[in-house]
Amino acid sequence: MPQVVLVHPQIPPNTGNIARTCAATGTDLHLVGPLGFEISDRYLKRAGLDYWPYVKLHYHESVEAFKAVHQQLGGRWLGFTVRGSFDYSSFEFKENDWLLFGSETTGLPPSVLSACDATLYIPMSQPKVRSLNLSVSVAVGLFEAHRQLGNFQKVQ
């Protein structure tokens, strides 16, 4: 199952929305500090609604701490960035991929981008718009990965 990694997220409601998306897809969510908010932030909790018990949340103090966990578990690092090399929709996802997303204002740090096995972008038709909202980008990338891997079932 792919995993979502947010590196230095800054806006609590975005992270809360992403947590809800991860809960809906059964996807682990990794937060890599430092964060731009406290985990107890009310806006974070509010955006996740009552789905927090279904979120498999992992917190890592730093990129180095996250790398140590990744080394134990394996899998590819796929960095989502506006300057990615591959269109996300034509990229072949695998079960043990890690989908990495950077902060809302600066994206993934250069040290993380250079460690990625591949960088992906989400194409947009309006060139004057630099990027999508972080929670939208995560949903787009994550749902494509799950779609390709056949991980969805109809909600009853």
N, C-alpha and C. Protein backbone atom coordinates (compact mmCIF):
# COMPACT_ATOMS: atom_id res chain seq x y z
N MET A 1 0.85 -1.18 0.00
CA MET A 1 0.00 0.00 0.00
C MET A 1 0.89 1.24 0.00
N PRO A 2 0.68 2.17 -0.94
CA PRO A 2 1.46 3.41 -0.93
C PRO A 2 1.29 4.16 0.39
N GLN A 3 2.25 5.00 0.71
CA GLN A 3 2.19 5.81 1.92
C GLN A 3 2.39 7.27 1.54
N VAL A 4 1.75 8.17 2.29
CA VAL A 4 1.87 9.60 2.04
C VAL A 4 2.82 10.20 3.08
N VAL A 5 3.72 11.05 2.59
CA VAL A 5 4.69 11.71 3.45
C VAL A 5 4.59 13.21 3.21
N LEU A 6 4.31 13.97 4.27
CA LEU A 6 4.31 15.43 4.20
C LEU A 6 5.57 15.94 4.88
N VAL A 7 6.42 16.60 4.13
CA VAL A 7 7.67 17.12 4.67
C VAL A 7 7.48 18.60 5.01
N HIS A 8 7.54 18.92 6.27
CA HIS A 8 7.41 20.29 6.80
C HIS A 8 6.09 20.98 6.41
N PRO A 9 4.94 20.32 6.56
CA PRO A 9 3.68 21.01 6.24
C PRO A 9 3.49 22.21 7.17
N GLN A 10 2.81 23.25 6.67
CA GLN A 10 2.66 24.49 7.42
C GLN A 10 1.23 24.85 7.78
N ILE A 11 0.27 24.38 7.02
CA ILE A 11 -1.12 24.84 7.20
C ILE A 11 -1.97 23.71 7.77
N PRO A 12 -2.44 23.86 9.02
CA PRO A 12 -3.16 22.78 9.69
C PRO A 12 -4.37 22.23 8.93
N PRO A 13 -5.25 23.07 8.36
CA PRO A 13 -6.40 22.49 7.65
C PRO A 13 -6.00 21.62 6.46
N ASN A 14 -4.92 21.98 5.76
CA ASN A 14 -4.46 21.13 4.66
C ASN A 14 -4.09 19.75 5.17
N THR A 15 -3.32 19.72 6.26
CA THR A 15 -2.91 18.43 6.82
C THR A 15 -4.11 17.65 7.33
N GLY A 16 -5.08 18.34 7.92
CA GLY A 16 -6.30 17.67 8.37
C GLY A 16 -7.08 17.07 7.21
N ASN A 17 -7.19 17.81 6.12
CA ASN A 17 -7.87 17.28 4.93
C ASN A 17 -7.13 16.07 4.36
N ILE A 18 -5.81 16.13 4.36
CA ILE A 18 -5.00 15.01 3.87
C ILE A 18 -5.18 13.80 4.78
N ALA A 19 -5.24 14.03 6.07
CA ALA A 19 -5.47 12.93 7.02
C ALA A 19 -6.79 12.24 6.72
N ARG A 20 -7.81 13.03 6.42
CA ARG A 20 -9.12 12.45 6.10
C ARG A 20 -9.04 11.63 4.81
N THR A 21 -8.32 12.12 3.81
CA THR A 21 -8.13 11.37 2.57
C THR A 21 -7.39 10.06 2.84
N CYS A 22 -6.37 10.13 3.69
CA CYS A 22 -5.63 8.91 4.05
C CYS A 22 -6.53 7.92 4.79
N ALA A 23 -7.38 8.42 5.67
CA ALA A 23 -8.31 7.54 6.38
C ALA A 23 -9.25 6.85 5.39
N ALA A 24 -9.73 7.60 4.40
CA ALA A 24 -10.68 7.05 3.42
C ALA A 24 -10.04 5.99 2.53
N THR A 25 -8.72 6.06 2.36
CA THR A 25 -8.04 5.13 1.46
C THR A 25 -7.23 4.08 2.22
N GLY A 26 -7.23 4.16 3.54
CA GLY A 26 -6.45 3.20 4.33
C GLY A 26 -4.95 3.40 4.18
N THR A 27 -4.55 4.63 3.93
CA THR A 27 -3.15 4.96 3.66
C THR A 27 -2.48 5.54 4.90
N ASP A 28 -1.28 5.07 5.21
CA ASP A 28 -0.51 5.65 6.31
C ASP A 28 -0.10 7.07 5.94
N LEU A 29 -0.13 7.96 6.95
CA LEU A 29 0.29 9.35 6.77
C LEU A 29 1.50 9.61 7.66
N HIS A 30 2.58 10.05 7.05
CA HIS A 30 3.81 10.38 7.76
C HIS A 30 4.00 11.89 7.73
N LEU A 31 4.16 12.50 8.90
CA LEU A 31 4.47 13.91 9.01
C LEU A 31 5.92 14.05 9.40
N VAL A 32 6.68 14.81 8.62
CA VAL A 32 8.10 15.00 8.88
C VAL A 32 8.32 16.44 9.35
N GLY A 33 8.83 16.58 10.56
CA GLY A 33 9.05 17.89 11.15
C GLY A 33 10.31 18.56 10.66
N PRO A 34 10.43 19.82 11.01
CA PRO A 34 9.50 20.54 11.86
C PRO A 34 8.21 20.91 11.12
N LEU A 35 7.12 20.91 11.87
CA LEU A 35 5.81 21.27 11.34
C LEU A 35 5.56 22.75 11.60
N GLY A 36 4.67 23.34 10.85
CA GLY A 36 4.31 24.74 11.04
C GLY A 36 3.16 24.91 12.01
N PHE A 37 2.86 23.88 12.80
CA PHE A 37 1.74 23.90 13.73
C PHE A 37 1.94 22.79 14.75
N GLU A 38 1.10 22.79 15.77
CA GLU A 38 1.11 21.72 16.77
C GLU A 38 0.13 20.63 16.35
N ILE A 39 0.45 19.40 16.66
CA ILE A 39 -0.44 18.28 16.33
C ILE A 39 -1.80 18.46 16.98
N SER A 40 -1.85 19.17 18.08
CA SER A 40 -3.11 19.38 18.80
C SER A 40 -3.91 20.56 18.23
N ASP A 41 -3.45 21.21 17.18
CA ASP A 41 -4.11 22.37 16.60
C ASP A 41 -5.58 22.07 16.30
N ARG A 42 -6.45 22.96 16.73
CA ARG A 42 -7.90 22.71 16.56
C ARG A 42 -8.32 22.72 15.09
N TYR A 43 -7.63 23.50 14.26
CA TYR A 43 -7.97 23.54 12.83
C TYR A 43 -7.56 22.25 12.14
N LEU A 44 -6.47 21.68 12.60
CA LEU A 44 -6.04 20.38 12.09
C LEU A 44 -7.09 19.33 12.42
N LYS A 45 -7.48 19.28 13.69
CA LYS A 45 -8.47 18.30 14.14
C LYS A 45 -9.81 18.51 13.45
N ARG A 46 -10.21 19.77 13.31
CA ARG A 46 -11.50 20.08 12.70
C ARG A 46 -11.56 19.62 11.24
N ALA A 47 -10.47 19.84 10.50
CA ALA A 47 -10.46 19.45 9.08
C ALA A 47 -10.54 17.93 8.92
N GLY A 48 -10.00 17.20 9.89
CA GLY A 48 -10.06 15.74 9.83
C GLY A 48 -11.37 15.16 10.32
N LEU A 49 -12.23 16.05 10.85
CA LEU A 49 -13.54 15.66 11.39
C LEU A 49 -13.41 14.52 12.39
N ASP A 50 -14.33 13.59 12.34
CA ASP A 50 -14.30 12.48 13.31
C ASP A 50 -13.61 11.25 12.73
N TYR A 51 -12.73 11.46 11.74
CA TYR A 51 -12.03 10.34 11.09
C TYR A 51 -10.65 10.08 11.68
N TRP A 52 -10.23 10.86 12.66
CA TRP A 52 -8.90 10.70 13.22
C TRP A 52 -8.62 9.29 13.75
N PRO A 53 -9.61 8.60 14.33
CA PRO A 53 -9.32 7.23 14.79
C PRO A 53 -8.94 6.28 13.65
N TYR A 54 -9.26 6.66 12.41
CA TYR A 54 -8.97 5.80 11.26
C TYR A 54 -7.68 6.19 10.53
N VAL A 55 -7.00 7.20 11.04
CA VAL A 55 -5.76 7.67 10.42
C VAL A 55 -4.57 6.95 11.05
N LYS A 56 -3.77 6.32 10.20
CA LYS A 56 -2.53 5.68 10.67
C LYS A 56 -1.44 6.74 10.57
N LEU A 57 -1.29 7.51 11.65
CA LEU A 57 -0.41 8.68 11.66
C LEU A 57 0.95 8.35 12.27
N HIS A 58 2.00 8.79 11.58
CA HIS A 58 3.37 8.60 12.05
C HIS A 58 4.04 9.97 12.05
N TYR A 59 4.74 10.30 13.13
CA TYR A 59 5.46 11.57 13.19
C TYR A 59 6.95 11.31 13.27
N HIS A 60 7.71 12.03 12.46
CA HIS A 60 9.17 11.93 12.44
C HIS A 60 9.73 13.32 12.72
N GLU A 61 10.62 13.43 13.67
CA GLU A 61 11.18 14.72 14.09
C GLU A 61 11.92 15.44 12.96
N SER A 62 12.50 14.68 12.04
CA SER A 62 13.33 15.29 10.99
C SER A 62 13.35 14.39 9.76
N VAL A 63 13.90 14.91 8.69
CA VAL A 63 14.06 14.12 7.48
C VAL A 63 14.97 12.93 7.76
N GLU A 64 16.01 13.15 8.55
CA GLU A 64 16.94 12.06 8.88
C GLU A 64 16.23 10.94 9.64
N ALA A 65 15.36 11.30 10.58
CA ALA A 65 14.60 10.29 11.32
C ALA A 65 13.68 9.52 10.39
N PHE A 66 13.07 10.23 9.45
CA PHE A 66 12.21 9.56 8.48
C PHE A 66 13.02 8.62 7.59
N LYS A 67 14.19 9.06 7.15
CA LYS A 67 15.04 8.21 6.30
C LYS A 67 15.36 6.89 6.99
N ALA A 68 15.59 6.94 8.30
CA ALA A 68 15.91 5.72 9.04
C ALA A 68 14.75 4.73 9.00
N VAL A 69 13.52 5.24 9.12
CA VAL A 69 12.33 4.38 9.04
C VAL A 69 12.20 3.82 7.63
N HIS A 70 12.39 4.66 6.64
CA HIS A 70 12.27 4.23 5.25
C HIS A 70 13.29 3.14 4.93
N GLN A 71 14.49 3.27 5.42
CA GLN A 71 15.53 2.27 5.14
C GLN A 71 15.12 0.89 5.66
N GLN A 72 14.39 0.85 6.76
CA GLN A 72 13.93 -0.42 7.31
C GLN A 72 12.81 -1.03 6.47
N LEU A 73 11.95 -0.18 5.92
CA LEU A 73 10.77 -0.65 5.20
C LEU A 73 10.96 -0.78 3.69
N GLY A 74 11.88 -0.03 3.12
CA GLY A 74 12.11 -0.08 1.68
C GLY A 74 11.05 0.65 0.88
N GLY A 75 11.15 0.56 -0.43
CA GLY A 75 10.20 1.23 -1.31
C GLY A 75 10.82 2.46 -1.96
N ARG A 76 10.14 2.95 -2.99
CA ARG A 76 10.64 4.11 -3.74
C ARG A 76 10.12 5.41 -3.15
N TRP A 77 10.97 6.42 -3.18
CA TRP A 77 10.56 7.78 -2.86
C TRP A 77 10.12 8.45 -4.15
N LEU A 78 8.85 8.90 -4.19
CA LEU A 78 8.32 9.60 -5.35
C LEU A 78 7.98 11.02 -4.92
N GLY A 79 8.77 11.97 -5.34
CA GLY A 79 8.57 13.36 -4.95
C GLY A 79 7.64 14.08 -5.91
N PHE A 80 6.58 14.66 -5.37
CA PHE A 80 5.66 15.45 -6.19
C PHE A 80 6.12 16.90 -6.16
N THR A 81 6.34 17.46 -7.35
CA THR A 81 6.85 18.82 -7.47
C THR A 81 6.42 19.41 -8.81
N VAL A 82 6.24 20.72 -8.85
CA VAL A 82 5.85 21.36 -10.11
C VAL A 82 6.92 21.17 -11.18
N ARG A 83 8.15 20.88 -10.78
CA ARG A 83 9.23 20.66 -11.73
C ARG A 83 9.59 19.17 -11.87
N GLY A 84 8.60 18.32 -11.67
CA GLY A 84 8.83 16.88 -11.76
C GLY A 84 9.20 16.43 -13.17
N SER A 85 9.74 15.24 -13.27
CA SER A 85 10.17 14.68 -14.56
C SER A 85 9.09 13.85 -15.25
N PHE A 86 8.14 13.31 -14.48
CA PHE A 86 7.13 12.42 -15.03
C PHE A 86 5.72 12.91 -14.69
N ASP A 87 4.83 12.84 -15.67
CA ASP A 87 3.41 13.11 -15.43
C ASP A 87 2.89 11.99 -14.51
N TYR A 88 2.30 12.36 -13.39
CA TYR A 88 1.84 11.36 -12.41
C TYR A 88 0.90 10.34 -13.03
N SER A 89 0.09 10.75 -14.01
CA SER A 89 -0.94 9.85 -14.55
C SER A 89 -0.37 8.79 -15.49
N SER A 90 0.84 9.00 -15.97
CA SER A 90 1.45 7.99 -16.84
C SER A 90 2.57 7.24 -16.13
N PHE A 91 2.75 7.52 -14.85
CA PHE A 91 3.79 6.85 -14.06
C PHE A 91 3.22 5.55 -13.50
N GLU A 92 4.01 4.50 -13.46
CA GLU A 92 3.55 3.21 -12.95
C GLU A 92 3.87 3.10 -11.45
N PHE A 93 2.82 3.16 -10.64
CA PHE A 93 2.97 3.08 -9.18
C PHE A 93 3.11 1.63 -8.73
N LYS A 94 3.78 1.46 -7.59
CA LYS A 94 3.95 0.14 -6.98
C LYS A 94 3.42 0.19 -5.55
N GLU A 95 3.11 -0.98 -5.02
CA GLU A 95 2.50 -1.07 -3.68
C GLU A 95 3.32 -0.42 -2.57
N ASN A 96 4.62 -0.49 -2.65
CA ASN A 96 5.43 0.03 -1.54
C ASN A 96 6.02 1.41 -1.82
N ASP A 97 5.36 2.19 -2.67
CA ASP A 97 5.82 3.55 -2.96
C ASP A 97 5.51 4.51 -1.81
N TRP A 98 6.37 5.49 -1.65
CA TRP A 98 6.19 6.58 -0.69
C TRP A 98 5.96 7.84 -1.51
N LEU A 99 4.80 8.47 -1.36
CA LEU A 99 4.46 9.68 -2.10
C LEU A 99 4.83 10.87 -1.23
N LEU A 100 5.85 11.62 -1.61
CA LEU A 100 6.37 12.72 -0.82
C LEU A 100 5.89 14.06 -1.36
N PHE A 101 5.44 14.91 -0.43
CA PHE A 101 4.95 16.24 -0.76
C PHE A 101 5.60 17.23 0.21
N GLY A 102 5.97 18.39 -0.30
CA GLY A 102 6.62 19.40 0.52
C GLY A 102 5.64 20.39 1.11
N SER A 103 6.20 21.40 1.75
CA SER A 103 5.37 22.43 2.39
C SER A 103 4.63 23.24 1.33
N GLU A 104 3.59 23.90 1.79
CA GLU A 104 2.73 24.67 0.89
C GLU A 104 3.46 25.82 0.21
N THR A 105 4.47 26.38 0.86
CA THR A 105 5.14 27.56 0.30
C THR A 105 6.45 27.27 -0.41
N THR A 106 7.15 26.22 0.00
CA THR A 106 8.48 25.97 -0.58
C THR A 106 8.62 24.62 -1.27
N GLY A 107 7.65 23.75 -1.14
CA GLY A 107 7.75 22.43 -1.75
C GLY A 107 8.75 21.55 -1.02
N LEU A 108 9.20 20.52 -1.68
CA LEU A 108 10.17 19.60 -1.07
C LEU A 108 11.55 20.25 -1.03
N PRO A 109 12.28 20.08 0.07
CA PRO A 109 13.64 20.60 0.13
C PRO A 109 14.53 19.95 -0.92
N PRO A 110 15.53 20.67 -1.43
CA PRO A 110 16.44 20.10 -2.44
C PRO A 110 17.07 18.78 -2.00
N SER A 111 17.41 18.65 -0.72
CA SER A 111 18.03 17.41 -0.25
C SER A 111 17.08 16.22 -0.36
N VAL A 112 15.79 16.47 -0.20
CA VAL A 112 14.80 15.40 -0.33
C VAL A 112 14.57 15.09 -1.81
N LEU A 113 14.44 16.14 -2.62
CA LEU A 113 14.25 15.93 -4.06
C LEU A 113 15.39 15.11 -4.67
N SER A 114 16.61 15.41 -4.27
CA SER A 114 17.75 14.68 -4.84
C SER A 114 17.79 13.23 -4.38
N ALA A 115 17.12 12.91 -3.27
CA ALA A 115 17.08 11.53 -2.78
C ALA A 115 15.93 10.73 -3.38
N CYS A 116 15.04 11.39 -4.11
CA CYS A 116 13.87 10.71 -4.68
C CYS A 116 14.29 9.80 -5.83
N ASP A 117 13.59 8.68 -5.93
CA ASP A 117 13.81 7.75 -7.05
C ASP A 117 13.20 8.30 -8.34
N ALA A 118 12.17 9.12 -8.20
CA ALA A 118 11.53 9.78 -9.35
C ALA A 118 10.80 11.01 -8.83
N THR A 119 10.65 12.00 -9.70
CA THR A 119 9.85 13.18 -9.36
C THR A 119 8.68 13.26 -10.33
N LEU A 120 7.51 13.55 -9.78
CA LEU A 120 6.27 13.56 -10.55
C LEU A 120 5.64 14.94 -10.51
N TYR A 121 4.91 15.27 -11.56
CA TYR A 121 4.18 16.53 -11.58
C TYR A 121 2.73 16.26 -11.97
N ILE A 122 1.86 17.18 -11.59
CA ILE A 122 0.45 17.13 -11.95
C ILE A 122 0.24 18.23 -12.99
N PRO A 123 -0.06 17.88 -14.24
CA PRO A 123 -0.20 18.90 -15.28
C PRO A 123 -1.44 19.77 -15.04
N MET A 124 -1.32 21.02 -15.45
CA MET A 124 -2.43 21.97 -15.33
C MET A 124 -2.57 22.71 -16.66
N SER A 125 -3.77 23.11 -16.98
CA SER A 125 -4.00 23.76 -18.27
C SER A 125 -3.81 25.27 -18.22
N GLN A 126 -3.71 25.85 -17.05
CA GLN A 126 -3.55 27.30 -16.92
C GLN A 126 -2.12 27.62 -16.47
N PRO A 127 -1.26 28.09 -17.36
CA PRO A 127 0.15 28.31 -17.01
C PRO A 127 0.38 29.40 -15.97
N LYS A 128 -0.59 30.27 -15.76
CA LYS A 128 -0.41 31.34 -14.77
C LYS A 128 -0.63 30.85 -13.34
N VAL A 129 -1.18 29.65 -13.19
CA VAL A 129 -1.38 29.06 -11.86
C VAL A 129 -0.16 28.18 -11.57
N ARG A 130 0.58 28.52 -10.50
CA ARG A 130 1.84 27.83 -10.22
C ARG A 130 1.64 26.41 -9.70
N SER A 131 0.62 26.23 -8.86
CA SER A 131 0.46 24.91 -8.25
C SER A 131 -0.95 24.75 -7.70
N LEU A 132 -1.27 23.52 -7.34
CA LEU A 132 -2.54 23.21 -6.70
C LEU A 132 -2.37 23.29 -5.19
N ASN A 133 -3.48 23.34 -4.47
CA ASN A 133 -3.45 23.24 -3.02
C ASN A 133 -2.84 21.90 -2.63
N LEU A 134 -2.09 21.88 -1.54
CA LEU A 134 -1.41 20.67 -1.11
C LEU A 134 -2.37 19.50 -0.91
N SER A 135 -3.50 19.74 -0.27
CA SER A 135 -4.43 18.63 -0.02
C SER A 135 -5.02 18.10 -1.33
N VAL A 136 -5.21 18.97 -2.30
CA VAL A 136 -5.71 18.53 -3.61
C VAL A 136 -4.63 17.71 -4.32
N SER A 137 -3.40 18.17 -4.27
CA SER A 137 -2.30 17.44 -4.91
C SER A 137 -2.14 16.05 -4.33
N VAL A 138 -2.22 15.95 -3.01
CA VAL A 138 -2.11 14.63 -2.38
C VAL A 138 -3.24 13.73 -2.84
N ALA A 139 -4.47 14.26 -2.84
CA ALA A 139 -5.62 13.44 -3.25
C ALA A 139 -5.47 12.97 -4.70
N VAL A 140 -5.05 13.86 -5.58
CA VAL A 140 -4.88 13.49 -6.99
C VAL A 140 -3.85 12.38 -7.14
N GLY A 141 -2.68 12.56 -6.55
CA GLY A 141 -1.63 11.55 -6.67
C GLY A 141 -1.97 10.25 -5.98
N LEU A 142 -2.53 10.34 -4.79
CA LEU A 142 -2.85 9.14 -4.02
C LEU A 142 -3.96 8.32 -4.69
N PHE A 143 -4.99 8.98 -5.17
CA PHE A 143 -6.08 8.24 -5.81
C PHE A 143 -5.61 7.58 -7.10
N GLU A 144 -4.71 8.23 -7.83
CA GLU A 144 -4.17 7.59 -9.04
C GLU A 144 -3.37 6.35 -8.67
N ALA A 145 -2.55 6.44 -7.64
CA ALA A 145 -1.77 5.27 -7.21
C ALA A 145 -2.71 4.12 -6.82
N HIS A 146 -3.71 4.42 -6.01
CA HIS A 146 -4.65 3.37 -5.59
C HIS A 146 -5.46 2.83 -6.77
N ARG A 147 -5.84 3.71 -7.70
CA ARG A 147 -6.59 3.25 -8.87
C ARG A 147 -5.75 2.25 -9.67
N GLN A 148 -4.50 2.61 -9.93
CA GLN A 148 -3.64 1.72 -10.70
C GLN A 148 -3.44 0.38 -10.01
N LEU A 149 -3.36 0.42 -8.69
CA LEU A 149 -3.07 -0.79 -7.92
C LEU A 149 -4.32 -1.60 -7.59
N GLY A 150 -5.49 -1.09 -7.97
CA GLY A 150 -6.74 -1.81 -7.72
C GLY A 150 -7.10 -1.90 -6.25
N ASN A 151 -6.78 -0.85 -5.50
CA ASN A 151 -7.01 -0.87 -4.05
C ASN A 151 -8.37 -0.35 -3.61
N PHE A 152 -9.26 -0.05 -4.54
CA PHE A 152 -10.55 0.51 -4.15
C PHE A 152 -11.63 -0.56 -4.11
N GLN A 153 -12.57 -0.33 -3.23
CA GLN A 153 -13.76 -1.16 -3.18
C GLN A 153 -14.96 -0.23 -3.01
N LYS A 154 -16.09 -0.65 -3.48
CA LYS A 154 -17.29 0.17 -3.38
C LYS A 154 -17.73 0.27 -1.93
N VAL A 155 -18.02 1.50 -1.51
CA VAL A 155 -18.51 1.72 -0.15
C VAL A 155 -19.97 1.31 -0.09
N GLN A 156 -20.29 0.49 0.87
CA GLN A 156 -21.67 0.00 1.02
C GLN A 156 -22.49 0.94 1.88
